[in-house]
């Protein structure tokens, strides 16, 4: 149960930080970060 609460809290904090900081980042940086997360997820899923 504690893991679920920690995970939910991390998602909420990450979402808030992303909304606050994302607007300040240039479009190129945002695009690179999204692409990096996508490649990481693809690689992790193929393992």
Protein backbone atom coordinates (compact mmCIF):
# COMPACT_ATOMS: atom_id res chain seq x y z
CA UNK A 1 0.00 0.00 0.00
CA UNK A 2 2.82 2.41 0.82
CA UNK A 3 4.39 1.83 -2.60
CA UNK A 4 1.15 2.83 -4.30
CA UNK A 5 0.97 6.05 -2.32
CA UNK A 6 4.60 6.90 -3.02
CA UNK A 7 4.09 6.22 -6.73
CA UNK A 8 0.96 8.38 -6.85
CA UNK A 9 2.77 11.19 -5.03
CA UNK A 10 5.71 10.99 -7.43
CA UNK A 11 3.37 11.19 -10.42
CA UNK A 12 1.61 14.24 -8.99
CA UNK A 13 4.87 16.03 -8.13
CA UNK A 14 6.35 15.18 -11.53
CA UNK A 15 3.26 16.45 -13.30
CA UNK A 16 3.33 19.73 -11.41
CA UNK A 17 7.04 20.23 -12.09
CA UNK A 18 6.55 19.39 -15.75
CA UNK A 19 3.76 21.92 -16.09
CA UNK A 20 5.73 24.63 -14.32
CA UNK A 21 9.12 24.02 -15.92
CA UNK A 22 7.98 22.80 -19.33
CA UNK A 23 6.80 26.21 -20.45
CA UNK A 24 10.25 27.65 -19.75
CA UNK A 25 12.13 25.12 -21.86
CA UNK A 26 12.70 25.70 -25.56
CA UNK A 27 10.67 23.53 -27.95
CA UNK A 28 13.82 21.74 -29.12
CA UNK A 29 14.68 20.64 -25.57
CA UNK A 30 11.12 19.44 -24.93
CA UNK A 31 11.15 17.47 -28.17
CA UNK A 32 14.51 15.89 -27.32
CA UNK A 33 13.34 14.90 -23.83
CA UNK A 34 10.15 13.30 -25.17
CA UNK A 35 12.15 11.41 -27.82
CA UNK A 36 14.63 10.25 -25.17
CA UNK A 37 11.87 8.96 -22.92
CA UNK A 38 10.31 7.17 -25.87
CA UNK A 39 13.59 5.46 -26.80
CA UNK A 40 14.21 4.51 -23.18
CA UNK A 41 10.73 3.01 -22.90
CA UNK A 42 11.18 1.11 -26.15
CA UNK A 43 14.53 -0.29 -25.01
CA UNK A 44 13.18 -1.22 -21.59
CA UNK A 45 10.19 -2.94 -23.17
CA UNK A 46 12.38 -5.00 -25.49
CA UNK A 47 14.45 -6.39 -22.62
